[in-house]
Amino acid sequence: MIDLHIPATDVVKLIEKDAVLVDIREGFEVENVWIDRADVLRIPYSEFDQREKELPKNKTLILCCAAGLLSEAVALQLKTEGYTVYVLQDGLIGWKNANLPLKTIAEINCKCKCCQGE
């Protein structure tokens, strides 16, 4: 099997060279904690087949899920379709363990009903 996993610190270097980080976690996974970068492309796994056309074919893609397992399956599929693709090693856990920027709902000082869970 091909090892597509790369550590979070290498992901940052690839993003600086124009790679695209694609977060495939579902909405309920993203609503409490997310990667604090404006350039993350969010396509939930459950919508991936319908939204795959949003992926740039001319850029390196790095897939992120919660722990790296689901991303690996998607990456293998995309590789067969001609994409240059990698998987964020250990997913969001790897990002957090590398002390890279994350944002949590608790950090948002918002009093609207949706942020307060009402």
N, C-alpha and C. Protein backbone atom coordinates (compact mmCIF):
# COMPACT_ATOMS: atom_id res chain seq x y z
N MET A 1 0.84 -1.20 0.00
CA MET A 1 0.00 0.00 0.00
C MET A 1 0.88 1.25 0.00
N ILE A 2 0.45 2.27 -0.67
CA ILE A 2 1.16 3.54 -0.77
C ILE A 2 0.92 4.34 0.51
N ASP A 3 1.99 4.87 1.10
CA ASP A 3 1.82 5.71 2.29
C ASP A 3 1.67 7.16 1.84
N LEU A 4 0.50 7.70 2.04
CA LEU A 4 0.19 9.07 1.64
C LEU A 4 0.22 10.04 2.81
N HIS A 5 0.49 9.54 4.02
CA HIS A 5 0.43 10.36 5.23
C HIS A 5 1.64 11.28 5.36
N ILE A 6 1.37 12.53 5.70
CA ILE A 6 2.45 13.48 5.96
C ILE A 6 2.14 14.22 7.27
N PRO A 7 3.17 14.53 8.04
CA PRO A 7 2.96 15.23 9.32
C PRO A 7 2.48 16.66 9.12
N ALA A 8 1.83 17.17 10.14
CA ALA A 8 1.21 18.50 10.07
C ALA A 8 2.22 19.60 9.70
N THR A 9 3.43 19.50 10.21
CA THR A 9 4.42 20.54 9.90
C THR A 9 4.75 20.56 8.40
N ASP A 10 4.76 19.40 7.77
CA ASP A 10 4.97 19.34 6.31
C ASP A 10 3.75 19.84 5.55
N VAL A 11 2.56 19.63 6.12
CA VAL A 11 1.34 20.14 5.50
C VAL A 11 1.41 21.66 5.39
N VAL A 12 1.83 22.31 6.45
CA VAL A 12 1.95 23.77 6.44
C VAL A 12 2.91 24.22 5.34
N LYS A 13 4.03 23.52 5.20
CA LYS A 13 4.99 23.87 4.14
C LYS A 13 4.38 23.72 2.76
N LEU A 14 3.59 22.66 2.55
CA LEU A 14 2.94 22.46 1.26
C LEU A 14 1.88 23.52 0.98
N ILE A 15 1.15 23.92 2.02
CA ILE A 15 0.14 24.97 1.86
C ILE A 15 0.83 26.27 1.44
N GLU A 16 1.99 26.54 2.02
CA GLU A 16 2.74 27.74 1.65
C GLU A 16 3.19 27.70 0.19
N LYS A 17 3.27 26.48 -0.37
CA LYS A 17 3.64 26.31 -1.78
C LYS A 17 2.41 26.13 -2.66
N ASP A 18 1.23 26.51 -2.17
CA ASP A 18 -0.01 26.52 -2.94
C ASP A 18 -0.82 25.22 -2.90
N ALA A 19 -0.54 24.33 -1.96
CA ALA A 19 -1.39 23.15 -1.79
C ALA A 19 -2.69 23.57 -1.11
N VAL A 20 -3.70 22.72 -1.21
CA VAL A 20 -5.01 23.01 -0.63
C VAL A 20 -5.32 21.98 0.45
N LEU A 21 -5.63 22.46 1.65
CA LEU A 21 -6.05 21.60 2.75
C LEU A 21 -7.56 21.42 2.65
N VAL A 22 -7.99 20.15 2.57
CA VAL A 22 -9.41 19.83 2.42
C VAL A 22 -9.88 19.09 3.66
N ASP A 23 -10.76 19.72 4.42
CA ASP A 23 -11.31 19.12 5.64
C ASP A 23 -12.57 18.35 5.26
N ILE A 24 -12.54 17.02 5.42
CA ILE A 24 -13.69 16.21 5.02
C ILE A 24 -14.53 15.78 6.21
N ARG A 25 -14.28 16.38 7.37
CA ARG A 25 -15.10 16.05 8.53
C ARG A 25 -16.53 16.54 8.33
N GLU A 26 -17.45 15.87 8.96
CA GLU A 26 -18.87 16.25 8.86
C GLU A 26 -19.13 17.52 9.65
N GLY A 27 -20.23 18.17 9.36
CA GLY A 27 -20.58 19.42 10.02
C GLY A 27 -20.57 19.35 11.53
N PHE A 28 -21.10 18.26 12.10
CA PHE A 28 -21.13 18.14 13.55
C PHE A 28 -19.73 18.02 14.14
N GLU A 29 -18.76 17.55 13.34
CA GLU A 29 -17.38 17.45 13.81
C GLU A 29 -16.69 18.80 13.75
N VAL A 30 -17.05 19.61 12.77
CA VAL A 30 -16.42 20.91 12.56
C VAL A 30 -17.01 21.98 13.45
N GLU A 31 -18.24 21.80 13.90
CA GLU A 31 -18.90 22.89 14.61
C GLU A 31 -18.26 23.26 15.95
N ASN A 32 -17.51 22.36 16.56
CA ASN A 32 -16.89 22.66 17.85
C ASN A 32 -15.41 23.00 17.76
N VAL A 33 -14.72 22.46 16.76
CA VAL A 33 -13.29 22.75 16.61
C VAL A 33 -12.93 22.63 15.13
N TRP A 34 -12.15 23.61 14.66
CA TRP A 34 -11.76 23.60 13.26
C TRP A 34 -10.37 24.21 13.12
N ILE A 35 -9.74 23.91 12.00
CA ILE A 35 -8.42 24.47 11.70
C ILE A 35 -8.58 25.94 11.42
N ASP A 36 -7.81 26.74 12.12
CA ASP A 36 -7.94 28.20 12.04
C ASP A 36 -7.12 28.75 10.87
N ARG A 37 -7.62 28.47 9.67
CA ARG A 37 -7.03 28.99 8.43
C ARG A 37 -8.19 29.33 7.51
N ALA A 38 -8.11 30.48 6.90
CA ALA A 38 -9.18 30.91 6.00
C ALA A 38 -9.18 30.13 4.69
N ASP A 39 -8.05 29.51 4.35
CA ASP A 39 -7.94 28.85 3.06
C ASP A 39 -8.28 27.36 3.07
N VAL A 40 -8.86 26.85 4.15
CA VAL A 40 -9.26 25.44 4.21
C VAL A 40 -10.53 25.25 3.39
N LEU A 41 -10.51 24.26 2.53
CA LEU A 41 -11.70 23.90 1.75
C LEU A 41 -12.45 22.83 2.54
N ARG A 42 -13.70 23.10 2.87
CA ARG A 42 -14.48 22.15 3.67
C ARG A 42 -15.50 21.46 2.78
N ILE A 43 -15.31 20.15 2.62
CA ILE A 43 -16.26 19.32 1.88
C ILE A 43 -16.51 18.08 2.73
N PRO A 44 -17.65 18.03 3.42
CA PRO A 44 -17.94 16.87 4.27
C PRO A 44 -17.92 15.57 3.46
N TYR A 45 -17.46 14.52 4.08
CA TYR A 45 -17.39 13.22 3.43
C TYR A 45 -18.73 12.82 2.82
N SER A 46 -19.81 13.08 3.53
CA SER A 46 -21.14 12.69 3.04
C SER A 46 -21.54 13.44 1.76
N GLU A 47 -20.87 14.55 1.47
CA GLU A 47 -21.17 15.34 0.26
C GLU A 47 -20.07 15.21 -0.80
N PHE A 48 -19.08 14.38 -0.52
CA PHE A 48 -17.89 14.37 -1.35
C PHE A 48 -18.17 14.01 -2.80
N ASP A 49 -18.97 12.99 -3.04
CA ASP A 49 -19.26 12.60 -4.42
C ASP A 49 -19.91 13.73 -5.21
N GLN A 50 -20.82 14.47 -4.58
CA GLN A 50 -21.51 15.56 -5.26
C GLN A 50 -20.62 16.79 -5.44
N ARG A 51 -19.64 16.98 -4.56
CA ARG A 51 -18.85 18.21 -4.57
C ARG A 51 -17.40 18.04 -5.01
N GLU A 52 -17.04 16.83 -5.44
CA GLU A 52 -15.67 16.57 -5.84
C GLU A 52 -15.19 17.54 -6.93
N LYS A 53 -16.10 18.00 -7.76
CA LYS A 53 -15.72 18.92 -8.85
C LYS A 53 -15.18 20.25 -8.32
N GLU A 54 -15.37 20.54 -7.04
CA GLU A 54 -14.83 21.77 -6.44
C GLU A 54 -13.32 21.67 -6.18
N LEU A 55 -12.77 20.47 -6.25
CA LEU A 55 -11.35 20.27 -5.97
C LEU A 55 -10.53 20.73 -7.17
N PRO A 56 -9.50 21.53 -6.93
CA PRO A 56 -8.64 21.95 -8.03
C PRO A 56 -7.72 20.80 -8.46
N LYS A 57 -7.80 20.42 -9.72
CA LYS A 57 -6.96 19.32 -10.24
C LYS A 57 -5.51 19.72 -10.39
N ASN A 58 -5.24 21.01 -10.49
CA ASN A 58 -3.88 21.48 -10.76
C ASN A 58 -3.09 21.81 -9.49
N LYS A 59 -3.64 21.46 -8.31
CA LYS A 59 -2.95 21.74 -7.05
C LYS A 59 -2.84 20.46 -6.23
N THR A 60 -1.85 20.44 -5.36
CA THR A 60 -1.71 19.33 -4.42
C THR A 60 -2.79 19.46 -3.37
N LEU A 61 -3.44 18.35 -3.06
CA LEU A 61 -4.49 18.33 -2.05
C LEU A 61 -3.98 17.59 -0.82
N ILE A 62 -4.34 18.10 0.35
CA ILE A 62 -4.05 17.42 1.60
C ILE A 62 -5.39 17.23 2.31
N LEU A 63 -5.76 15.99 2.52
CA LEU A 63 -7.05 15.69 3.14
C LEU A 63 -6.91 15.57 4.65
N CYS A 64 -7.91 16.08 5.35
CA CYS A 64 -7.94 16.05 6.80
C CYS A 64 -9.29 15.51 7.27
N CYS A 65 -9.24 14.55 8.17
CA CYS A 65 -10.44 14.11 8.88
C CYS A 65 -10.10 14.12 10.37
N ALA A 66 -10.86 13.45 11.18
CA ALA A 66 -10.62 13.48 12.62
C ALA A 66 -9.29 12.82 13.00
N ALA A 67 -9.02 11.62 12.45
CA ALA A 67 -7.81 10.88 12.85
C ALA A 67 -6.97 10.38 11.68
N GLY A 68 -7.39 10.63 10.45
CA GLY A 68 -6.60 10.26 9.28
C GLY A 68 -7.06 9.02 8.54
N LEU A 69 -7.99 8.26 9.10
CA LEU A 69 -8.41 7.01 8.47
C LEU A 69 -9.35 7.23 7.29
N LEU A 70 -10.36 8.03 7.47
CA LEU A 70 -11.31 8.29 6.39
C LEU A 70 -10.63 9.05 5.25
N SER A 71 -9.75 9.96 5.59
CA SER A 71 -9.01 10.71 4.57
C SER A 71 -8.19 9.78 3.69
N GLU A 72 -7.65 8.74 4.28
CA GLU A 72 -6.83 7.81 3.51
C GLU A 72 -7.66 7.14 2.42
N ALA A 73 -8.86 6.70 2.75
CA ALA A 73 -9.73 6.05 1.76
C ALA A 73 -10.07 7.01 0.62
N VAL A 74 -10.40 8.25 0.96
CA VAL A 74 -10.73 9.25 -0.05
C VAL A 74 -9.51 9.58 -0.89
N ALA A 75 -8.35 9.70 -0.26
CA ALA A 75 -7.10 10.02 -0.97
C ALA A 75 -6.76 8.94 -1.99
N LEU A 76 -6.93 7.69 -1.63
CA LEU A 76 -6.63 6.60 -2.56
C LEU A 76 -7.55 6.68 -3.78
N GLN A 77 -8.82 7.01 -3.56
CA GLN A 77 -9.76 7.16 -4.67
C GLN A 77 -9.34 8.32 -5.56
N LEU A 78 -9.01 9.47 -4.96
CA LEU A 78 -8.63 10.65 -5.73
C LEU A 78 -7.33 10.41 -6.50
N LYS A 79 -6.42 9.65 -5.92
CA LYS A 79 -5.15 9.35 -6.59
C LYS A 79 -5.41 8.59 -7.89
N THR A 80 -6.36 7.67 -7.88
CA THR A 80 -6.69 6.92 -9.10
C THR A 80 -7.33 7.81 -10.15
N GLU A 81 -7.87 8.95 -9.72
CA GLU A 81 -8.50 9.89 -10.64
C GLU A 81 -7.52 10.96 -11.12
N GLY A 82 -6.25 10.84 -10.74
CA GLY A 82 -5.23 11.73 -11.24
C GLY A 82 -4.87 12.90 -10.35
N TYR A 83 -5.42 12.98 -9.17
CA TYR A 83 -5.07 14.06 -8.25
C TYR A 83 -3.73 13.77 -7.57
N THR A 84 -3.00 14.82 -7.24
CA THR A 84 -1.85 14.72 -6.36
C THR A 84 -2.40 14.95 -4.96
N VAL A 85 -2.33 13.94 -4.12
CA VAL A 85 -3.04 14.01 -2.85
C VAL A 85 -2.24 13.35 -1.73
N TYR A 86 -2.37 13.95 -0.55
CA TYR A 86 -1.76 13.44 0.67
C TYR A 86 -2.82 13.45 1.78
N VAL A 87 -2.47 12.82 2.88
CA VAL A 87 -3.35 12.76 4.05
C VAL A 87 -2.61 13.38 5.24
N LEU A 88 -3.26 14.28 5.93
CA LEU A 88 -2.72 14.84 7.16
C LEU A 88 -2.59 13.71 8.17
N GLN A 89 -1.36 13.36 8.52
CA GLN A 89 -1.10 12.27 9.45
C GLN A 89 -1.82 12.50 10.77
N ASP A 90 -2.60 11.54 11.17
CA ASP A 90 -3.39 11.58 12.41
C ASP A 90 -4.49 12.64 12.38
N GLY A 91 -4.79 13.18 11.21
CA GLY A 91 -5.90 14.11 11.04
C GLY A 91 -5.83 15.32 11.96
N LEU A 92 -6.98 15.73 12.43
CA LEU A 92 -7.05 16.90 13.30
C LEU A 92 -6.24 16.69 14.58
N ILE A 93 -6.14 15.46 15.02
CA ILE A 93 -5.34 15.15 16.20
C ILE A 93 -3.88 15.50 15.94
N GLY A 94 -3.37 15.15 14.76
CA GLY A 94 -1.99 15.48 14.40
C GLY A 94 -1.76 16.97 14.31
N TRP A 95 -2.76 17.69 13.77
CA TRP A 95 -2.68 19.16 13.68
C TRP A 95 -2.57 19.75 15.09
N LYS A 96 -3.45 19.28 15.98
CA LYS A 96 -3.46 19.78 17.36
C LYS A 96 -2.15 19.44 18.08
N ASN A 97 -1.67 18.20 17.91
CA ASN A 97 -0.43 17.78 18.57
C ASN A 97 0.78 18.56 18.08
N ALA A 98 0.71 19.12 16.87
CA ALA A 98 1.81 19.95 16.35
C ALA A 98 1.66 21.41 16.79
N ASN A 99 0.67 21.67 17.64
CA ASN A 99 0.40 23.02 18.15
C ASN A 99 0.14 24.04 17.04
N LEU A 100 -0.56 23.58 16.01
CA LEU A 100 -0.93 24.48 14.91
C LEU A 100 -2.28 25.10 15.22
N PRO A 101 -2.62 26.22 14.59
CA PRO A 101 -3.81 26.98 15.00
C PRO A 101 -5.14 26.26 14.80
N LEU A 102 -5.86 26.18 15.90
CA LEU A 102 -7.22 25.65 15.92
C LEU A 102 -8.13 26.71 16.52
N LYS A 103 -9.38 26.63 16.18
CA LYS A 103 -10.38 27.52 16.75
C LYS A 103 -11.47 26.63 17.34
N THR A 104 -11.96 27.01 18.50
CA THR A 104 -13.06 26.26 19.11
C THR A 104 -14.24 27.19 19.33
N ILE A 105 -15.40 26.61 19.43
CA ILE A 105 -16.62 27.39 19.63
C ILE A 105 -16.51 28.20 20.93
N ALA A 106 -15.80 27.69 21.92
CA ALA A 106 -15.65 28.38 23.20
C ALA A 106 -14.88 29.69 23.06
N GLU A 107 -14.06 29.82 22.00
CA GLU A 107 -13.27 31.03 21.80
C GLU A 107 -14.06 32.14 21.12
N ILE A 108 -15.22 31.81 20.62
CA ILE A 108 -16.02 32.81 19.92
C ILE A 108 -16.92 33.49 20.94
N ASN A 109 -16.80 34.78 21.05
CA ASN A 109 -17.60 35.54 22.00
C ASN A 109 -18.87 36.01 21.30
N CYS A 110 -19.75 35.07 21.07
CA CYS A 110 -20.98 35.37 20.34
C CYS A 110 -22.17 34.94 21.21
N LYS A 111 -23.18 35.74 21.22
CA LYS A 111 -24.35 35.44 22.05
C LYS A 111 -25.57 35.03 21.23
N CYS A 112 -25.36 34.72 19.94
CA CYS A 112 -26.52 34.34 19.12
C CYS A 112 -27.01 32.95 19.55
N LYS A 113 -28.23 32.65 19.18
CA LYS A 113 -28.83 31.38 19.59
C LYS A 113 -28.08 30.18 19.01
N CYS A 114 -27.59 30.28 17.78
CA CYS A 114 -26.92 29.12 17.18
C CYS A 114 -25.61 28.82 17.91
N CYS A 115 -24.87 29.83 18.31
CA CYS A 115 -23.60 29.60 19.02
C CYS A 115 -23.82 29.18 20.47
N GLN A 116 -24.94 29.51 21.01
CA GLN A 116 -25.23 29.14 22.40
C GLN A 116 -25.96 27.81 22.49
N GLY A 117 -26.16 27.15 21.34
CA GLY A 117 -26.81 25.84 21.34
C GLY A 117 -28.30 25.87 21.59
N GLU A 118 -28.91 26.98 21.33
CA GLU A 118 -30.37 27.09 21.55
C GLU A 118 -31.13 26.85 20.26
